[in-house]
Amino acid sequence: GLFNLGAATGENEKYLTVRTDEKGAEPYELVTRVLVPEIVTIDPKILSLGIGEEPEERIFEFKVKREEPIRVVDVSSSRREFALEWETIEEGRRYRIKLKPETTEKALLGVLRIETDCEIEKHRRYMAFFSVKQGGGE
């Protein structure tokens, strides 16, 4: 069987239906569990602030988990209402992305786009999310 895992990480279950030439034999299913290691982590994946909360700076950590380095080459935000700054902590290994809202007076949702120099096409771009919402931040 050939499985397409896309950008999936962690433990993934895939199913394979097996049929034989035997007359009257019912097909049966093989369950395959595949562990796909993460090559990077973004912590937190979703950053939330509460409406009316003090508009303080919040931080995302981007860490490379594999042996070979991956460099962050650009970080952009979908929201101009958030000041964005990023810095290299350890070249090819760790990066800090700082976001600071101008205000938390209204709800909004934003996307952080992180571009890397990874040689694997599907791992060149990552996203993280941030919001201002009712009910407080995390």
Protein backbone atom coordinates (compact mmCIF):
# COMPACT_ATOMS: atom_id res chain seq x y z
CA GLY A 1 0.00 0.00 0.00
CA LEU A 2 0.99 3.59 -0.55
CA PHE A 3 -0.15 6.15 2.02
CA ASN A 4 -0.20 9.92 1.62
CA LEU A 5 0.45 11.48 5.03
CA GLY A 6 0.66 15.07 3.81
CA ALA A 7 1.96 17.26 6.64
CA ALA A 8 0.67 14.90 9.33
CA THR A 9 2.83 14.30 12.38
CA GLY A 10 2.51 12.05 15.41
CA GLU A 11 0.74 8.70 15.32
CA ASN A 12 -1.45 8.17 12.26
CA GLU A 13 -3.76 5.26 11.48
CA LYS A 14 -4.19 4.20 7.88
CA TYR A 15 -6.39 1.39 6.56
CA LEU A 16 -5.76 -1.02 3.73
CA THR A 17 -8.55 -3.22 2.31
CA VAL A 18 -7.29 -6.65 1.28
CA ARG A 19 -9.17 -8.82 -1.23
CA THR A 20 -8.15 -12.28 -2.40
CA ASP A 21 -8.96 -14.40 -5.46
CA GLU A 22 -10.65 -16.97 -3.20
CA LYS A 23 -14.33 -17.41 -4.10
CA GLY A 24 -16.71 -16.10 -1.47
CA ALA A 25 -13.93 -14.63 0.65
CA GLU A 26 -14.84 -11.35 2.27
CA PRO A 27 -12.35 -8.48 2.05
CA TYR A 28 -10.66 -7.61 5.30
CA GLU A 29 -9.02 -4.49 6.59
CA LEU A 30 -5.44 -4.10 7.74
CA VAL A 31 -4.81 -1.28 10.19
CA THR A 32 -1.39 0.33 9.98
CA ARG A 33 -0.10 2.76 12.57
CA VAL A 34 2.63 5.07 11.39
CA LEU A 35 4.61 7.34 13.70
CA VAL A 36 5.70 10.47 11.84
CA PRO A 37 8.16 12.49 13.93
CA GLU A 38 7.72 16.25 14.18
CA ILE A 39 10.58 18.13 12.61
CA VAL A 40 9.60 21.46 14.18
CA THR A 41 7.37 22.61 17.01
CA ILE A 42 5.58 25.91 17.46
CA ASP A 43 4.55 26.70 21.00
CA PRO A 44 1.85 27.69 21.47
CA LYS A 45 0.10 26.66 18.26
CA ILE A 46 -2.74 29.06 19.11
CA LEU A 47 -2.17 32.19 21.19
CA SER A 48 -5.25 33.87 22.68
CA LEU A 49 -5.83 37.13 24.53
CA GLY A 50 -9.05 38.17 26.17
CA ILE A 51 -11.12 41.15 25.08
CA GLY A 52 -10.22 44.08 27.34
CA GLU A 53 -7.05 42.39 28.62
CA GLU A 54 -3.86 44.44 28.96
CA PRO A 55 -2.31 44.47 25.44
CA GLU A 56 0.98 42.87 26.50
CA GLU A 57 3.56 41.21 24.29
CA ARG A 58 3.08 37.47 23.74
CA ILE A 59 5.64 34.99 22.43
CA PHE A 60 5.70 32.00 20.08
CA GLU A 61 8.69 29.62 20.23
CA PHE A 62 9.75 27.91 16.98
CA LYS A 63 12.05 24.91 17.60
CA VAL A 64 13.69 22.53 15.15
CA LYS A 65 13.48 18.92 16.36
CA ARG A 66 15.48 17.11 13.68
CA GLU A 67 19.26 16.88 13.50
CA GLU A 68 19.67 19.06 10.40
CA PRO A 69 19.07 22.79 10.95
CA ILE A 70 16.13 24.65 9.47
CA ARG A 71 16.43 28.43 9.32
CA VAL A 72 13.51 30.81 9.61
CA VAL A 73 13.84 33.26 6.72
CA ASP A 74 10.66 35.32 7.16
CA VAL A 75 7.73 35.78 9.51
CA SER A 76 4.60 37.72 8.61
CA SER A 77 1.23 38.41 10.17
CA SER A 78 -2.21 38.68 8.64
CA ARG A 79 -3.05 41.48 11.10
CA ARG A 80 -1.56 44.97 11.14
CA GLU A 81 -3.11 45.49 14.60
CA PHE A 82 -0.30 43.35 16.06
CA ALA A 83 3.31 44.52 16.15
CA LEU A 84 5.53 41.65 15.03
CA GLU A 85 9.17 41.03 15.81
CA TRP A 86 11.23 37.84 15.53
CA GLU A 87 14.69 36.90 16.63
CA THR A 88 17.13 34.04 16.31
CA ILE A 89 17.91 32.36 19.62
CA GLU A 90 20.07 29.62 18.08
CA GLU A 91 20.65 29.66 14.29
CA GLY A 92 18.78 26.83 12.59
CA ARG A 93 17.39 25.58 15.93
CA ARG A 94 15.36 28.09 17.95
CA TYR A 95 13.50 31.28 17.13
CA ARG A 96 11.32 33.62 19.18
CA ILE A 97 8.39 35.41 17.58
CA LYS A 98 6.94 38.33 19.53
CA LEU A 99 3.45 39.74 18.98
CA LYS A 100 1.98 42.75 20.71
CA PRO A 101 -1.55 43.98 20.04
CA GLU A 102 -2.26 47.69 19.70
CA THR A 103 -5.49 47.02 21.57
CA THR A 104 -7.62 44.16 22.84
CA GLU A 105 -10.89 46.08 22.69
CA LYS A 106 -12.43 43.99 19.89
CA ALA A 107 -12.38 40.36 18.79
CA LEU A 108 -10.11 39.33 15.95
CA LEU A 109 -8.36 36.30 14.52
CA GLY A 110 -4.95 36.32 12.87
CA VAL A 111 -2.49 34.01 11.16
CA LEU A 112 1.25 33.99 11.61
CA ARG A 113 3.12 32.71 8.54
CA ILE A 114 6.60 31.32 9.13
CA GLU A 115 8.81 30.66 6.11
CA THR A 116 11.90 28.47 6.35
CA ASP A 117 14.73 27.25 4.17
CA CYS A 118 13.79 23.57 4.65
CA GLU A 119 14.73 21.42 1.65
CA ILE A 120 11.43 19.51 1.98
CA GLU A 121 8.76 21.53 0.16
CA LYS A 122 5.88 20.71 2.52
CA HIS A 123 7.96 21.83 5.51
CA ARG A 124 8.97 25.24 4.15
CA ARG A 125 5.93 27.07 5.50
CA TYR A 126 4.27 26.87 8.88
CA MET A 127 1.32 28.65 10.42
CA ALA A 128 0.36 29.58 13.94
CA PHE A 129 -2.78 31.39 15.01
CA PHE A 130 -3.59 34.20 17.41
CA SER A 131 -6.81 35.80 18.55
CA VAL A 132 -8.48 38.29 20.79
CA LYS A 133 -11.67 36.74 22.04
CA GLN A 134 -14.34 36.87 24.71
CA GLY A 135 -13.60 34.81 27.78
CA GLY A 136 -9.92 35.51 28.37
CA GLY A 137 -6.63 34.42 26.97
CA GLU A 138 -4.41 31.42 27.54
